[in-house]
C-alpha atoms as a PDB file:
ATOM      1  CA  MET A   1     -24.693   2.436  31.540  1.00  0.00           C
ATOM      2  CA  GLY A   2     -22.280   4.548  33.612  1.00  0.00           C
ATOM      3  CA  ILE A   3     -19.565   6.750  32.445  1.00  0.00           C
ATOM      4  CA  ALA A   4     -17.064   4.242  33.679  1.00  0.00           C
ATOM      5  CA  SER A   5     -18.428   1.494  31.969  1.00  0.00           C
ATOM      6  CA  LEU A   6     -18.795   3.482  28.677  1.00  0.00           C
ATOM      7  CA  PHE A   7     -15.187   4.498  29.192  1.00  0.00           C
ATOM      8  CA  ARG A   8     -13.901   0.652  29.603  1.00  0.00           C
ATOM      9  CA  LYS A   9     -16.219  -0.245  26.407  1.00  0.00           C
ATOM     10  CA  VAL A  10     -14.794   2.324  24.371  1.00  0.00           C
ATOM     11  CA  SER A  11     -11.314   1.608  25.705  1.00  0.00           C
ATOM     12  CA  GLN A  12     -11.461  -2.164  24.958  1.00  0.00           C
ATOM     13  CA  GLN A  13     -12.623  -1.123  21.176  1.00  0.00           C
ATOM     14  CA  GLN A  14      -9.886   1.013  20.867  1.00  0.00           C
ATOM     15  CA  GLY A  15      -7.216  -1.464  21.941  1.00  0.00           C
ATOM     16  CA  THR A  16      -8.685  -4.281  19.654  1.00  0.00           C
ATOM     17  CA  ALA A  17      -8.033  -2.535  16.449  1.00  0.00           C
ATOM     18  CA  SER A  18      -5.290  -3.440  14.613  1.00  0.00           C
ATOM     19  CA  PRO A  19      -2.261  -1.025  13.810  1.00  0.00           C
ATOM     20  CA  PRO A  20      -2.491   0.161  10.045  1.00  0.00           C
ATOM     21  CA  HIS A  21      -0.232  -1.738   7.477  1.00  0.00           C
ATOM     22  CA  HIS A  22       2.067   0.190   5.152  1.00  0.00           C
ATOM     23  CA  TYR A  23       3.281  -1.890   2.051  1.00  0.00           C
ATOM     24  CA  ARG A  24       4.592   0.810  -0.108  1.00  0.00           C
ATOM     25  CA  GLU A  25       8.266   0.750  -0.707  1.00  0.00           C
ATOM     26  CA  ARG A  26       8.360   4.113  -2.436  1.00  0.00           C
ATOM     27  CA  ALA A  27       7.654   7.666  -1.584  1.00  0.00           C
ATOM     28  CA  VAL A  28       4.368   9.044  -2.761  1.00  0.00           C
ATOM     29  CA  SER A  29       4.628  10.493  -6.041  1.00  0.00           C
ATOM     30  CA  GLU A  30       2.324  12.904  -7.911  1.00  0.00           C
ATOM     31  CA  ASP A  31       2.392  10.496 -10.811  1.00  0.00           C
ATOM     32  CA  TRP A  32       0.117   8.104  -8.977  1.00  0.00           C
ATOM     33  CA  LEU A  33      -1.371   9.963  -6.082  1.00  0.00           C
ATOM     34  CA  PHE A  34      -3.123  13.173  -7.165  1.00  0.00           C
ATOM     35  CA  HIS A  35      -5.877  15.926  -6.616  1.00  0.00           C
ATOM     36  CA  GLY A  36      -7.728  16.883  -9.582  1.00  0.00           C
ATOM     37  CA  LYS A  37     -11.106  16.466 -11.650  1.00  0.00           C
ATOM     38  CA  ASP A  38     -12.099  13.389 -14.040  1.00  0.00           C
ATOM     39  CA  GLU A  39     -13.750  13.825 -17.135  1.00  0.00           C
ATOM     40  CA  VAL A  40     -17.183  14.418 -16.065  1.00  0.00           C
ATOM     41  CA  GLY A  41     -16.263  17.066 -13.540  1.00  0.00           C
ATOM     42  CA  ARG A  42     -16.092  15.237 -10.355  1.00  0.00           C
ATOM     43  CA  GLU A  43     -13.159  16.504  -7.833  1.00  0.00           C
ATOM     44  CA  GLY A  44     -11.055  14.747  -5.411  1.00  0.00           C
ATOM     45  CA  TRP A  45      -8.140  12.529  -4.870  1.00  0.00           C
ATOM     46  CA  PHE A  46      -7.316   9.961  -7.334  1.00  0.00           C
ATOM     47  CA  VAL A  47      -4.774   6.794  -7.509  1.00  0.00           C
ATOM     48  CA  ARG A  48      -3.274   5.840 -10.807  1.00  0.00           C
ATOM     49  CA  ILE A  49      -2.058   2.173 -10.543  1.00  0.00           C
ATOM     50  CA  GLU A  50       0.284   0.761 -13.222  1.00  0.00           C
ATOM     51  CA  VAL A  51       0.822  -3.128 -13.632  1.00  0.00           C
ATOM     52  CA  THR A  52       3.505  -4.439 -16.298  1.00  0.00           C
ATOM     53  CA  GLY A  53       1.408  -5.573 -19.181  1.00  0.00           C
ATOM     54  CA  MET A  54      -1.887  -3.715 -18.485  1.00  0.00           C
ATOM     55  CA  TYR A  55      -3.057  -0.236 -19.418  1.00  0.00           C
ATOM     56  CA  PRO A  56      -2.658   2.069 -16.236  1.00  0.00           C
ATOM     57  CA  ARG A  57      -5.976   2.326 -14.209  1.00  0.00           C
ATOM     58  CA  ARG A  58      -7.122   5.549 -12.441  1.00  0.00           C
ATOM     59  CA  TYR A  59      -9.364   5.152  -9.080  1.00  0.00           C
ATOM     60  CA  GLY A  60     -11.516   7.852  -7.448  1.00  0.00           C
ATOM     61  CA  PRO A  61     -12.295  10.438  -6.904  1.00  0.00           C
ATOM     62  CA  PHE A  62     -11.894  10.055  -3.082  1.00  0.00           C
ATOM     63  CA  ALA A  63     -12.744  12.672  -0.710  1.00  0.00           C
ATOM     64  CA  THR A  64      -9.216  12.484   1.187  1.00  0.00           C
ATOM     65  CA  GLN A  65      -5.800  12.007   0.530  1.00  0.00           C
ATOM     66  CA  ALA A  66      -5.826   9.548   3.568  1.00  0.00           C
ATOM     67  CA  ASP A  67      -8.875   7.607   1.759  1.00  0.00           C
ATOM     68  CA  ALA A  68      -7.095   7.292  -1.488  1.00  0.00           C
ATOM     69  CA  CYS A  69      -3.944   6.113   0.155  1.00  0.00           C
ATOM     70  CA  GLU A  70      -5.969   3.448   1.865  1.00  0.00           C
ATOM     71  CA  LEU A  71      -7.262   2.055  -1.520  1.00  0.00           C
ATOM     72  CA  LEU A  72      -3.503   1.723  -2.671  1.00  0.00           C
ATOM     73  CA  GLU A  73      -2.483   0.113   0.808  1.00  0.00           C
ATOM     74  CA  ASP A  74      -5.325  -2.243   0.455  1.00  0.00           C
ATOM     75  CA  PHE A  75      -4.209  -3.114  -3.351  1.00  0.00           C
ATOM     76  CA  LEU A  76      -0.572  -3.367  -2.540  1.00  0.00           C
ATOM     77  CA  HIS A  77      -1.610  -5.776   0.705  1.00  0.00           C
ATOM     78  CA  ASP A  78      -3.327  -8.152  -1.947  1.00  0.00           C
ATOM     79  CA  LEU A  79      -0.224  -8.133  -3.921  1.00  0.00           C
ATOM     80  CA  VAL A  80       2.328  -8.989  -1.279  1.00  0.00           C
ATOM     81  CA  GLU A  81       1.363 -12.703  -1.484  1.00  0.00           C
ATOM     82  CA  PRO A  82       1.546 -13.246  -5.274  1.00  0.00           C
ATOM     83  CA  PHE A  83       5.209 -11.476  -5.372  1.00  0.00           C
ATOM     84  CA  GLY A  84       6.211 -13.809  -2.880  1.00  0.00           C
ATOM     85  CA  ASN A  85       4.770 -16.786  -4.499  1.00  0.00           C
ATOM     86  CA  LEU A  86       6.400 -15.597  -7.764  1.00  0.00           C
ATOM     87  CA  GLU A  87      10.013 -15.264  -5.990  1.00  0.00           C
ATOM     88  CA  ARG A  88       9.708 -18.875  -4.423  1.00  0.00           C
ATOM     89  CA  ASP A  89       8.877 -20.448  -7.947  1.00  0.00           C
ATOM     90  CA  LEU A  90      12.075 -18.801  -9.230  1.00  0.00           C
ATOM     91  CA  ASP A  91      14.286 -21.472  -7.605  1.00  0.00           C
ATOM     92  CA  ARG A  92      16.504 -22.110 -10.434  1.00  0.00           C
ATOM     93  CA  PRO A  93      20.083 -20.746  -9.847  1.00  0.00           C
ATOM     94  CA  GLU A  94      19.964 -18.675 -13.372  1.00  0.00           C
ATOM     95  CA  GLN A  95      16.667 -16.960 -12.178  1.00  0.00           C
ATOM     96  CA  THR A  96      16.360 -14.743  -9.665  1.00  0.00           C
ATOM     97  CA  CYS A  97      14.323 -11.436  -8.582  1.00  0.00           C
ATOM     98  CA  VAL A  98      15.983  -8.107  -8.487  1.00  0.00           C
ATOM     99  CA  ILE A  99      14.410  -5.054  -7.090  1.00  0.00           C
ATOM    100  CA  GLU A 100      15.565  -2.413  -9.436  1.00  0.00           C
ATOM    101  CA  GLY A 101      17.049   0.657  -8.432  1.00  0.00           C
ATOM    102  CA  VAL A 102      17.757  -0.570  -4.934  1.00  0.00           C
ATOM    103  CA  PRO A 103      21.484  -0.953  -4.198  1.00  0.00           C
ATOM    104  CA  ARG A 104      22.179  -4.594  -2.881  1.00  0.00           C
ATOM    105  CA  LEU A 105      22.667  -5.103   0.935  1.00  0.00           C
ATOM    106  CA  GLU A 106      25.799  -6.728   1.880  1.00  0.00           C
ATOM    107  CA  ALA A 107      26.673  -7.794   5.515  1.00  0.00           C
ATOM    108  CA  THR A 108      29.988  -7.025   6.916  1.00  0.00           C
ATOM    109  CA  PRO A 109      31.704  -9.033   9.442  1.00  0.00           C
ATOM    110  CA  GLY A 110      31.609  -7.968  13.075  1.00  0.00           C
ATOM    111  CA  GLU A 111      34.919  -7.333  14.750  1.00  0.00           C
END
C-alpha cells in the first residue's frame, strides 16, 4: 500500500466519524465532576449523578476529565428521549413542563 492510498484511507475514516454530541444544559460543576480518591484509594476523575427520587451515584475513576465527561454525555443522551416523551404526555392545559431557573423566552414583533 502506497503513501497516497494510506492517506486516502485515513482521510476517509476521519471523514466518516460523527461529531461529538453535547447534551449538557448547565456548566460543569465540581459537585458532579471532580478529581479525587475513592474509598479504596483509586485516584482519578469521578462523575456524580443525581436523579430525583433516587440516591446519588458516583462513577469512576476515569483516567481523564474527558473520559468522565463522555460517560456523562452518554448518560444524558439516553435521557433525551424519555424527557421528550414525558413532556409530550403532559398534554392537558393544566399541566406543563417548566425548566426551573431559566427565564422564559418571548418573541418580539418585527418592525
